[in-house]
Amino acid sequence: GRRLGLGVVPAASLLGDAELASPAFGLRGGASDILLSIVAKQ
């Protein structure tokens, strides 16, 4: 969305909202290294 220019169309607020939320995506419920460790044990 950022690369293809959604920031300058009516969806700009949606993109901005998602960007503000995104830092938590990979942390809550387990960081990536924890998840990969679970998969590797399997």
Full PDB file with SEQRES, HELIX, SHEET, SSBOND, CRYST1, ORIGX, SCALE, CONECT and MASTER records, all heavy atoms in Angstrom:
SEQRES   1 A   42  GLY ARG ARG LEU GLY LEU GLY VAL VAL PRO ALA ALA SER          
SEQRES   2 A   42  LEU LEU GLY ASP ALA GLU LEU ALA SER PRO ALA PHE GLY          
SEQRES   3 A   42  LEU ARG GLY GLY ALA SER ASP ILE LEU LEU SER ILE VAL          
SEQRES   4 A   42  ALA LYS GLN                                                  
HELIX    1 AA1 LEU A    6  VAL A    8  5                                   3    
HELIX    2 AA2 ALA A   12  ALA A   21  1                                  10    
HELIX    3 AA3 SER A   22  ALA A   24  5                                   3    
HELIX    4 AA4 SER A   32  LYS A   41  1                                  10    
CRYST1    1.000    1.000    1.000  90.00  90.00  90.00 P 1           1          
ORIGX1      1.000000  0.000000  0.000000        0.00000                         
ORIGX2      0.000000  1.000000  0.000000        0.00000                         
ORIGX3      0.000000  0.000000  1.000000        0.00000                         
SCALE1      1.000000  0.000000  0.000000        0.00000                         
SCALE2      0.000000  1.000000  0.000000        0.00000                         
SCALE3      0.000000  0.000000  1.000000        0.00000                         
ATOM      1  N   GLY A   1       0.812  -1.211   0.000  1.00  0.00           N  
ATOM      2  CA  GLY A   1       0.000   0.000   0.000  1.00  0.00           C  
ATOM      3  C   GLY A   1       0.841   1.254   0.000  1.00  0.00           C  
ATOM      4  O   GLY A   1       0.545   2.233  -0.711  1.00  0.00           O  
ATOM      5  N   ARG A   2       1.921   1.228   0.756  1.00  0.00           N  
ATOM      6  CA  ARG A   2       2.833   2.379   0.809  1.00  0.00           C  
ATOM      7  C   ARG A   2       3.542   2.550  -0.533  1.00  0.00           C  
ATOM      8  O   ARG A   2       3.622   3.654  -1.074  1.00  0.00           O  
ATOM      9  CB  ARG A   2       3.849   2.162   1.932  1.00  0.00           C  
ATOM     10  CG  ARG A   2       4.783   3.346   2.173  1.00  0.00           C  
ATOM     11  CD  ARG A   2       5.864   2.996   3.169  1.00  0.00           C  
ATOM     12  NE  ARG A   2       5.329   2.573   4.449  1.00  0.00           N  
ATOM     13  CZ  ARG A   2       5.468   1.360   4.959  1.00  0.00           C  
ATOM     14  NH1 ARG A   2       6.114   0.427   4.268  1.00  0.00           N  
ATOM     15  NH2 ARG A   2       4.980   1.054   6.133  1.00  0.00           N  
ATOM     16  N   ARG A   3       4.042   1.464  -1.082  1.00  0.00           N  
ATOM     17  CA  ARG A   3       4.838   1.517  -2.314  1.00  0.00           C  
ATOM     18  C   ARG A   3       3.987   1.901  -3.523  1.00  0.00           C  
ATOM     19  O   ARG A   3       4.472   2.578  -4.433  1.00  0.00           O  
ATOM     20  CB  ARG A   3       5.492   0.153  -2.529  1.00  0.00           C  
ATOM     21  CG  ARG A   3       6.329   0.028  -3.796  1.00  0.00           C  
ATOM     22  CD  ARG A   3       7.190  -1.221  -3.746  1.00  0.00           C  
ATOM     23  NE  ARG A   3       6.435  -2.407  -3.420  1.00  0.00           N  
ATOM     24  CZ  ARG A   3       5.771  -3.144  -4.294  1.00  0.00           C  
ATOM     25  NH1 ARG A   3       5.763  -2.783  -5.575  1.00  0.00           N  
ATOM     26  NH2 ARG A   3       5.124  -4.217  -3.918  1.00  0.00           N  
ATOM     27  N   LEU A   4       2.727   1.493  -3.510  1.00  0.00           N  
ATOM     28  CA  LEU A   4       1.874   1.716  -4.677  1.00  0.00           C  
ATOM     29  C   LEU A   4       0.986   2.945  -4.536  1.00  0.00           C  
ATOM     30  O   LEU A   4       0.060   3.146  -5.310  1.00  0.00           O  
ATOM     31  CB  LEU A   4       1.023   0.473  -4.933  1.00  0.00           C  
ATOM     32  CG  LEU A   4       1.854  -0.772  -5.286  1.00  0.00           C  
ATOM     33  CD1 LEU A   4       0.992  -2.016  -5.292  1.00  0.00           C  
ATOM     34  CD2 LEU A   4       2.532  -0.588  -6.644  1.00  0.00           C  
ATOM     35  N   GLY A   5       1.261   3.760  -3.531  1.00  0.00           N  
ATOM     36  CA  GLY A   5       0.653   5.075  -3.489  1.00  0.00           C  
ATOM     37  C   GLY A   5      -0.712   5.184  -2.853  1.00  0.00           C  
ATOM     38  O   GLY A   5      -1.456   6.131  -3.146  1.00  0.00           O  
ATOM     39  N   LEU A   6      -1.084   4.262  -1.930  1.00  0.00           N  
ATOM     40  CA  LEU A   6      -2.379   4.399  -1.278  1.00  0.00           C  
ATOM     41  C   LEU A   6      -2.447   5.620  -0.360  1.00  0.00           C  
ATOM     42  O   LEU A   6      -3.531   6.053   0.014  1.00  0.00           O  
ATOM     43  CB  LEU A   6      -2.705   3.145  -0.450  1.00  0.00           C  
ATOM     44  CG  LEU A   6      -3.188   1.914  -1.209  1.00  0.00           C  
ATOM     45  CD1 LEU A   6      -3.683   0.864  -0.227  1.00  0.00           C  
ATOM     46  CD2 LEU A   6      -4.286   2.253  -2.199  1.00  0.00           C  
ATOM     47  N   GLY A   7      -1.295   6.164  -0.018  1.00  0.00           N  
ATOM     48  CA  GLY A   7      -1.285   7.329   0.852  1.00  0.00           C  
ATOM     49  C   GLY A   7      -1.834   8.583   0.212  1.00  0.00           C  
ATOM     50  O   GLY A   7      -2.062   9.577   0.905  1.00  0.00           O  
ATOM     51  N   VAL A   8      -2.098   8.557  -1.096  1.00  0.00           N  
ATOM     52  CA  VAL A   8      -2.600   9.751  -1.779  1.00  0.00           C  
ATOM     53  C   VAL A   8      -3.976   9.513  -2.410  1.00  0.00           C  
ATOM     54  O   VAL A   8      -4.421  10.283  -3.240  1.00  0.00           O  
ATOM     55  CB  VAL A   8      -1.615  10.240  -2.862  1.00  0.00           C  
ATOM     56  CG1 VAL A   8      -0.315  10.688  -2.227  1.00  0.00           C  
ATOM     57  CG2 VAL A   8      -1.344   9.133  -3.893  1.00  0.00           C  
ATOM     58  N   VAL A   9      -4.650   8.439  -1.988  1.00  0.00           N  
ATOM     59  CA  VAL A   9      -6.002   8.160  -2.474  1.00  0.00           C  
ATOM     60  C   VAL A   9      -6.933   8.131  -1.262  1.00  0.00           C  
ATOM     61  O   VAL A   9      -6.477   8.242  -0.123  1.00  0.00           O  
ATOM     62  CB  VAL A   9      -6.055   6.807  -3.239  1.00  0.00           C  
ATOM     63  CG1 VAL A   9      -5.131   6.851  -4.433  1.00  0.00           C  
ATOM     64  CG2 VAL A   9      -5.699   5.651  -2.330  1.00  0.00           C  
ATOM     65  N   PRO A  10      -8.256   7.998  -1.466  1.00  0.00           N  
ATOM     66  CA  PRO A  10      -9.168   8.014  -0.316  1.00  0.00           C  
ATOM     67  C   PRO A  10      -8.862   6.995   0.766  1.00  0.00           C  
ATOM     68  O   PRO A  10      -9.309   7.154   1.901  1.00  0.00           O  
ATOM     69  CB  PRO A  10     -10.527   7.730  -0.976  1.00  0.00           C  
ATOM     70  CG  PRO A  10     -10.396   8.298  -2.340  1.00  0.00           C  
ATOM     71  CD  PRO A  10      -8.978   8.027  -2.741  1.00  0.00           C  
ATOM     72  N   ALA A  11      -8.109   5.950   0.456  1.00  0.00           N  
ATOM     73  CA  ALA A  11      -7.780   4.931   1.452  1.00  0.00           C  
ATOM     74  C   ALA A  11      -6.598   5.326   2.338  1.00  0.00           C  
ATOM     75  O   ALA A  11      -6.123   4.522   3.141  1.00  0.00           O  
ATOM     76  CB  ALA A  11      -7.460   3.607   0.753  1.00  0.00           C  
ATOM     77  N   ALA A  12      -6.109   6.558   2.217  1.00  0.00           N  
ATOM     78  CA  ALA A  12      -4.915   6.973   2.957  1.00  0.00           C  
ATOM     79  C   ALA A  12      -5.059   6.771   4.460  1.00  0.00           C  
ATOM     80  O   ALA A  12      -4.122   6.328   5.139  1.00  0.00           O  
ATOM     81  CB  ALA A  12      -4.602   8.441   2.657  1.00  0.00           C  
ATOM     82  N   SER A  13      -6.244   7.076   5.006  1.00  0.00           N  
ATOM     83  CA  SER A  13      -6.424   6.941   6.450  1.00  0.00           C  
ATOM     84  C   SER A  13      -6.365   5.481   6.880  1.00  0.00           C  
ATOM     85  O   SER A  13      -5.866   5.162   7.959  1.00  0.00           O  
ATOM     86  CB  SER A  13      -7.751   7.558   6.881  1.00  0.00           C  
ATOM     87  OG  SER A  13      -8.844   6.906   6.247  1.00  0.00           O  
ATOM     88  N   LEU A  14      -6.867   4.577   6.035  1.00  0.00           N  
ATOM     89  CA  LEU A  14      -6.785   3.149   6.339  1.00  0.00           C  
ATOM     90  C   LEU A  14      -5.339   2.687   6.374  1.00  0.00           C  
ATOM     91  O   LEU A  14      -4.933   1.929   7.253  1.00  0.00           O  
ATOM     92  CB  LEU A  14      -7.562   2.337   5.298  1.00  0.00           C  
ATOM     93  CG  LEU A  14      -9.078   2.503   5.280  1.00  0.00           C  
ATOM     94  CD1 LEU A  14      -9.675   1.731   4.113  1.00  0.00           C  
ATOM     95  CD2 LEU A  14      -9.682   2.017   6.599  1.00  0.00           C  
ATOM     96  N   LEU A  15      -4.547   3.133   5.403  1.00  0.00           N  
ATOM     97  CA  LEU A  15      -3.140   2.772   5.371  1.00  0.00           C  
ATOM     98  C   LEU A  15      -2.426   3.322   6.599  1.00  0.00           C  
ATOM     99  O   LEU A  15      -1.655   2.615   7.249  1.00  0.00           O  
ATOM    100  CB  LEU A  15      -2.481   3.301   4.097  1.00  0.00           C  
ATOM    101  CG  LEU A  15      -0.982   3.034   3.966  1.00  0.00           C  
ATOM    102  CD1 LEU A  15      -0.693   1.536   3.946  1.00  0.00           C  
ATOM    103  CD2 LEU A  15      -0.427   3.701   2.712  1.00  0.00           C  
ATOM    104  N   GLY A  16      -2.683   4.572   6.937  1.00  0.00           N  
ATOM    105  CA  GLY A  16      -2.041   5.160   8.103  1.00  0.00           C  
ATOM    106  C   GLY A  16      -2.417   4.444   9.381  1.00  0.00           C  
ATOM    107  O   GLY A  16      -1.569   4.208  10.262  1.00  0.00           O  
ATOM    108  N   ASP A  17      -3.682   4.059   9.517  1.00  0.00           N  
ATOM    109  CA  ASP A  17      -4.147   3.329  10.685  1.00  0.00           C  
ATOM    110  C   ASP A  17      -3.418   1.989  10.803  1.00  0.00           C  
ATOM    111  O   ASP A  17      -2.974   1.584  11.889  1.00  0.00           O  
ATOM    112  CB  ASP A  17      -5.654   3.108  10.548  1.00  0.00           C  
ATOM    113  CG  ASP A  17      -6.326   2.791  11.874  1.00  0.00           C  
ATOM    114  OD1 ASP A  17      -5.880   3.292  12.908  1.00  0.00           O  
ATOM    115  OD2 ASP A  17      -7.320   2.042  11.855  1.00  0.00           O  
ATOM    116  N   ALA A  18      -3.296   1.292   9.683  1.00  0.00           N  
ATOM    117  CA  ALA A  18      -2.615  -0.004   9.686  1.00  0.00           C  
ATOM    118  C   ALA A  18      -1.134   0.142  10.007  1.00  0.00           C  
ATOM    119  O   ALA A  18      -0.555  -0.683  10.723  1.00  0.00           O  
ATOM    120  CB  ALA A  18      -2.797  -0.690   8.333  1.00  0.00           C  
ATOM    121  N   GLU A  19      -0.506   1.188   9.475  1.00  0.00           N  
ATOM    122  CA  GLU A  19       0.912   1.412   9.758  1.00  0.00           C  
ATOM    123  C   GLU A  19       1.152   1.658  11.241  1.00  0.00           C  
ATOM    124  O   GLU A  19       2.123   1.164  11.814  1.00  0.00           O  
ATOM    125  CB  GLU A  19       1.427   2.595   8.935  1.00  0.00           C  
ATOM    126  CG  GLU A  19       1.609   2.287   7.463  1.00  0.00           C  
ATOM    127  CD  GLU A  19       2.172   3.475   6.693  1.00  0.00           C  
ATOM    128  OE1 GLU A  19       1.552   4.553   6.728  1.00  0.00           O  
ATOM    129  OE2 GLU A  19       3.238   3.309   6.069  1.00  0.00           O  
ATOM    130  N   LEU A  20       0.259   2.408  11.877  1.00  0.00           N  
ATOM    131  CA  LEU A  20       0.409   2.673  13.309  1.00  0.00           C  
ATOM    132  C   LEU A  20       0.264   1.402  14.134  1.00  0.00           C  
ATOM    133  O   LEU A  20       0.918   1.237  15.169  1.00  0.00           O  
ATOM    134  CB  LEU A  20      -0.633   3.702  13.758  1.00  0.00           C  
ATOM    135  CG  LEU A  20      -0.395   5.148  13.311  1.00  0.00           C  
ATOM    136  CD1 LEU A  20      -1.595   6.009  13.649  1.00  0.00           C  
ATOM    137  CD2 LEU A  20       0.863   5.708  13.969  1.00  0.00           C  
ATOM    138  N   ALA A  21      -0.590   0.497  13.680  1.00  0.00           N  
ATOM    139  CA  ALA A  21      -0.808  -0.757  14.412  1.00  0.00           C  
ATOM    140  C   ALA A  21       0.289  -1.781  14.162  1.00  0.00           C  
ATOM    141  O   ALA A  21       0.546  -2.653  15.000  1.00  0.00           O  
ATOM    142  CB  ALA A  21      -2.157  -1.347  14.025  1.00  0.00           C  
ATOM    143  N   SER A  22       0.960  -1.693  13.013  1.00  0.00           N  
ATOM    144  CA  SER A  22       1.813  -2.779  12.529  1.00  0.00           C  
ATOM    145  C   SER A  22       3.010  -3.145  13.410  1.00  0.00           C  
ATOM    146  O   SER A  22       3.422  -4.318  13.387  1.00  0.00           O  
ATOM    147  CB  SER A  22       2.299  -2.466  11.114  1.00  0.00           C  
ATOM    148  OG  SER A  22       3.106  -1.297  11.091  1.00  0.00           O  
ATOM    149  N   PRO A  23       3.625  -2.231  14.179  1.00  0.00           N  
ATOM    150  CA  PRO A  23       4.765  -2.671  14.992  1.00  0.00           C  
ATOM    151  C   PRO A  23       4.445  -3.820  15.946  1.00  0.00           C  
ATOM    152  O   PRO A  23       5.338  -4.587  16.314  1.00  0.00           O  
ATOM    153  CB  PRO A  23       5.155  -1.399  15.757  1.00  0.00           C  
ATOM    154  CG  PRO A  23       4.749  -0.289  14.865  1.00  0.00           C  
ATOM    155  CD  PRO A  23       3.470  -0.760  14.245  1.00  0.00           C  
ATOM    156  N   ALA A  24       3.187  -3.938  16.334  1.00  0.00           N  
ATOM    157  CA  ALA A  24       2.817  -4.998  17.277  1.00  0.00           C  
ATOM    158  C   ALA A  24       2.543  -6.335  16.601  1.00  0.00           C  
ATOM    159  O   ALA A  24       2.482  -7.367  17.277  1.00  0.00           O  
ATOM    160  CB  ALA A  24       1.585  -4.574  18.076  1.00  0.00           C  
ATOM    161  N   PHE A  25       2.377  -6.340  15.267  1.00  0.00           N  
ATOM    162  CA  PHE A  25       1.951  -7.570  14.591  1.00  0.00           C  
ATOM    163  C   PHE A  25       2.881  -8.749  14.897  1.00  0.00           C  
ATOM    164  O   PHE A  25       2.423  -9.860  15.149  1.00  0.00           O  
ATOM    165  CB  PHE A  25       1.892  -7.366  13.074  1.00  0.00           C  
ATOM    166  CG  PHE A  25       0.790  -6.479  12.589  1.00  0.00           C  
ATOM    167  CD1 PHE A  25       0.670  -6.197  11.229  1.00  0.00           C  
ATOM    168  CD2 PHE A  25      -0.129  -5.914  13.449  1.00  0.00           C  
ATOM    169  CE1 PHE A  25      -0.344  -5.376  10.748  1.00  0.00           C  
ATOM    170  CE2 PHE A  25      -1.137  -5.084  12.990  1.00  0.00           C  
ATOM    171  CZ  PHE A  25      -1.241  -4.820  11.632  1.00  0.00           C  
ATOM    172  N   GLY A  26       4.175  -8.512  14.839  1.00  0.00           N  
ATOM    173  CA  GLY A  26       5.130  -9.599  15.002  1.00  0.00           C  
ATOM    174  C   GLY A  26       5.528  -9.888  16.432  1.00  0.00           C  
ATOM    175  O   GLY A  26       6.385 -10.748  16.673  1.00  0.00           O  
ATOM    176  N   LEU A  27       4.919  -9.190  17.400  1.00  0.00           N  
ATOM    177  CA  LEU A  27       5.285  -9.369  18.808  1.00  0.00           C  
ATOM    178  C   LEU A  27       4.192 -10.057  19.611  1.00  0.00           C  
ATOM    179  O   LEU A  27       4.455 -11.013  20.335  1.00  0.00           O  
ATOM    180  CB  LEU A  27       5.611  -8.007  19.443  1.00  0.00           C  
ATOM    181  CG  LEU A  27       6.814  -7.263  18.863  1.00  0.00           C  
ATOM    182  CD1 LEU A  27       6.914  -5.879  19.490  1.00  0.00           C  
ATOM    183  CD2 LEU A  27       8.098  -8.049  19.085  1.00  0.00           C  
ATOM    184  N   ARG A  28       2.966  -9.558  19.505  1.00  0.00           N  
ATOM    185  CA  ARG A  28       1.890 -10.102  20.341  1.00  0.00           C  
ATOM    186  C   ARG A  28       1.627 -11.559  19.956  1.00  0.00           C  
ATOM    187  O   ARG A  28       1.638 -11.931  18.788  1.00  0.00           O  
ATOM    188  CB  ARG A  28       0.630  -9.258  20.161  1.00  0.00           C  
ATOM    189  CG  ARG A  28       0.123  -9.231  18.740  1.00  0.00           C  
ATOM    190  CD  ARG A  28      -0.860  -8.113  18.520  1.00  0.00           C  
ATOM    191  NE  ARG A  28      -1.368  -8.175  17.149  1.00  0.00           N  
ATOM    192  CZ  ARG A  28      -1.980  -7.182  16.542  1.00  0.00           C  
ATOM    193  NH1 ARG A  28      -2.151  -6.030  17.174  1.00  0.00           N  
ATOM    194  NH2 ARG A  28      -2.432  -7.314  15.305  1.00  0.00           N  
ATOM    195  N   GLY A  29       1.401 -12.357  20.958  1.00  0.00           N  
ATOM    196  CA  GLY A  29       1.161 -13.776  20.709  1.00  0.00           C  
ATOM    197  C   GLY A  29       2.412 -14.569  20.397  1.00  0.00           C  
ATOM    198  O   GLY A  29       2.325 -15.747  20.051  1.00  0.00           O  
ATOM    199  N   GLY A  30       3.596 -13.946  20.528  1.00  0.00           N  
ATOM    200  CA  GLY A  30       4.842 -14.651  20.261  1.00  0.00           C  
ATOM    201  C   GLY A  30       5.624 -14.046  19.127  1.00  0.00           C  
ATOM    202  O   GLY A  30       5.104 -13.871  18.022  1.00  0.00           O  
ATOM    203  N   ALA A  31       6.877 -13.686  19.410  1.00  0.00           N  
ATOM    204  CA  ALA A  31       7.751 -13.124  18.382  1.00  0.00           C  
ATOM    205  C   ALA A  31       8.133 -14.207  17.375  1.00  0.00           C  
ATOM    206  O   ALA A  31       7.994 -15.409  17.626  1.00  0.00           O  
ATOM    207  CB  ALA A  31       8.993 -12.525  19.026  1.00  0.00           C  
ATOM    208  N   SER A  32       8.662 -13.776  16.235  1.00  0.00           N  
ATOM    209  CA  SER A  32       8.945 -14.708  15.137  1.00  0.00           C  
ATOM    210  C   SER A  32       9.913 -15.815  15.531  1.00  0.00           C  
ATOM    211  O   SER A  32       9.746 -16.975  15.132  1.00  0.00           O  
ATOM    212  CB  SER A  32       9.496 -13.932  13.938  1.00  0.00           C  
ATOM    213  OG  SER A  32       8.519 -13.070  13.411  1.00  0.00           O  
ATOM    214  N   ASP A  33      10.954 -15.476  16.321  1.00  0.00           N  
ATOM    215  CA  ASP A  33      11.914 -16.520  16.690  1.00  0.00           C  
ATOM    216  C   ASP A  33      11.268 -17.591  17.568  1.00  0.00           C  
ATOM    217  O   ASP A  33      11.613 -18.780  17.469  1.00  0.00           O  
ATOM    218  CB  ASP A  33      13.135 -15.905  17.379  1.00  0.00           C  
ATOM    219  CG  ASP A  33      12.787 -15.088  18.604  1.00  0.00           C  
ATOM    220  OD1 ASP A  33      11.624 -14.667  18.732  1.00  0.00           O  
ATOM    221  OD2 ASP A  33      13.685 -14.859  19.443  1.00  0.00           O  
ATOM    222  N   ILE A  34      10.293 -17.196  18.407  1.00  0.00           N  
ATOM    223  CA  ILE A  34       9.580 -18.170  19.230  1.00  0.00           C  
ATOM    224  C   ILE A  34       8.740 -19.084  18.342  1.00  0.00           C  
ATOM    225  O   ILE A  34       8.726 -20.307  18.508  1.00  0.00           O  
ATOM    226  CB  ILE A  34       8.682 -17.443  20.246  1.00  0.00           C  
ATOM    227  CG1 ILE A  34       9.506 -16.529  21.172  1.00  0.00           C  
ATOM    228  CG2 ILE A  34       7.869 -18.445  21.045  1.00  0.00           C  
ATOM    229  CD1 ILE A  34      10.494 -17.252  22.034  1.00  0.00           C  
ATOM    230  N   LEU A  35       8.044 -18.495  17.388  1.00  0.00           N  
ATOM    231  CA  LEU A  35       7.193 -19.287  16.496  1.00  0.00           C  
ATOM    232  C   LEU A  35       8.008 -20.258  15.660  1.00  0.00           C  
ATOM    233  O   LEU A  35       7.633 -21.425  15.497  1.00  0.00           O  
ATOM    234  CB  LEU A  35       6.395 -18.351  15.583  1.00  0.00           C  
ATOM    235  CG  LEU A  35       5.484 -17.341  16.290  1.00  0.00           C  
ATOM    236  CD1 LEU A  35       4.895 -16.371  15.273  1.00  0.00           C  
ATOM    237  CD2 LEU A  35       4.382 -18.039  17.066  1.00  0.00           C  
ATOM    238  N   LEU A  36       9.134 -19.790  15.131  1.00  0.00           N  
ATOM    239  CA  LEU A  36       9.995 -20.664  14.334  1.00  0.00           C  
ATOM    240  C   LEU A  36      10.565 -21.795  15.178  1.00  0.00           C  
ATOM    241  O   LEU A  36      10.752 -22.917  14.695  1.00  0.00           O  
ATOM    242  CB  LEU A  36      11.114 -19.848  13.695  1.00  0.00           C  
ATOM    243  CG  LEU A  36      10.669 -18.897  12.576  1.00  0.00           C  
ATOM    244  CD1 LEU A  36      11.828 -18.006  12.140  1.00  0.00           C  
ATOM    245  CD2 LEU A  36      10.108 -19.662  11.391  1.00  0.00           C  
ATOM    246  N   SER A  37      10.842 -21.504  16.439  1.00  0.00           N  
ATOM    247  CA  SER A  37      11.335 -22.550  17.344  1.00  0.00           C  
ATOM    248  C   SER A  37      10.283 -23.639  17.541  1.00  0.00           C  
ATOM    249  O   SER A  37      10.603 -24.840  17.539  1.00  0.00           O  
ATOM    250  CB  SER A  37      11.709 -21.934  18.699  1.00  0.00           C  
ATOM    251  OG  SER A  37      12.068 -22.938  19.622  1.00  0.00           O  
ATOM    252  N   ILE A  38       9.023 -23.241  17.683  1.00  0.00           N  
ATOM    253  CA  ILE A  38       7.937 -24.214  17.837  1.00  0.00           C  
ATOM    254  C   ILE A  38       7.811 -25.087  16.597  1.00  0.00           C  
ATOM    255  O   ILE A  38       7.688 -26.312  16.684  1.00  0.00           O  
ATOM    256  CB  ILE A  38       6.608 -23.470  18.124  1.00  0.00           C  
ATOM    257  CG1 ILE A  38       6.660 -22.807  19.495  1.00  0.00           C  
ATOM    258  CG2 ILE A  38       5.414 -24.433  18.038  1.00  0.00           C  
ATOM    259  CD1 ILE A  38       5.516 -21.854  19.742  1.00  0.00           C  
ATOM    260  N   VAL A  39       7.873 -24.460  15.425  1.00  0.00           N  
ATOM    261  CA  VAL A  39       7.778 -25.211  14.173  1.00  0.00           C  
ATOM    262  C   VAL A  39       8.969 -26.145  14.005  1.00  0.00           C  
ATOM    263  O   VAL A  39       8.823 -27.304  13.596  1.00  0.00           O  
ATOM    264  CB  VAL A  39       7.655 -24.258  12.986  1.00  0.00           C  
ATOM    265  CG1 VAL A  39       7.680 -25.015  11.661  1.00  0.00           C  
ATOM    266  CG2 VAL A  39       6.391 -23.415  13.079  1.00  0.00           C  
ATOM    267  N   ALA A  40      10.176 -25.664  14.362  1.00  0.00           N  
ATOM    268  CA  ALA A  40      11.381 -26.485  14.235  1.00  0.00           C  
ATOM    269  C   ALA A  40      11.328 -27.723  15.134  1.00  0.00           C  
ATOM    270  O   ALA A  40      11.760 -28.806  14.726  1.00  0.00           O  
ATOM    271  CB  ALA A  40      12.612 -25.655  14.573  1.00  0.00           C  
ATOM    272  N   LYS A  41      10.775 -27.561  16.325  1.00  0.00           N  
ATOM    273  CA  LYS A  41      10.662 -28.712  17.230  1.00  0.00           C  
ATOM    274  C   LYS A  41       9.723 -29.744  16.642  1.00  0.00           C  
ATOM    275  O   LYS A  41       9.933 -30.960  16.801  1.00  0.00           O  
ATOM    276  CB  LYS A  41      10.176 -28.244  18.587  1.00  0.00           C  
ATOM    277  CG  LYS A  41      11.223 -27.453  19.367  1.00  0.00           C  
ATOM    278  CD  LYS A  41      10.658 -26.899  20.657  1.00  0.00           C  
ATOM    279  CE  LYS A  41      11.712 -26.060  21.380  1.00  0.00           C  
ATOM    280  NZ  LYS A  41      11.175 -25.411  22.611  1.00  0.00           N  
ATOM    281  N   GLN A  42       8.668 -29.301  15.971  1.00  0.00           N  
ATOM    282  CA  GLN A  42       7.771 -30.233  15.321  1.00  0.00           C  
ATOM    283  C   GLN A  42       8.502 -31.013  14.226  1.00  0.00           C  
ATOM    284  O   GLN A  42       8.361 -32.224  14.104  1.00  0.00           O  
ATOM    285  CB  GLN A  42       6.577 -29.491  14.715  1.00  0.00           C  
ATOM    286  CG  GLN A  42       5.613 -30.403  13.958  1.00  0.00           C  
ATOM    287  CD  GLN A  42       4.605 -29.615  13.131  1.00  0.00           C  
ATOM    288  OE1 GLN A  42       4.927 -28.542  12.620  1.00  0.00           O  
ATOM    289  NE2 GLN A  42       3.400 -30.130  13.004  1.00  0.00           N  
TER     290      GLN A  42                                                      
MASTER        0    0    0    4    0    0    0    6  289    1    0    4          
END                                                                             
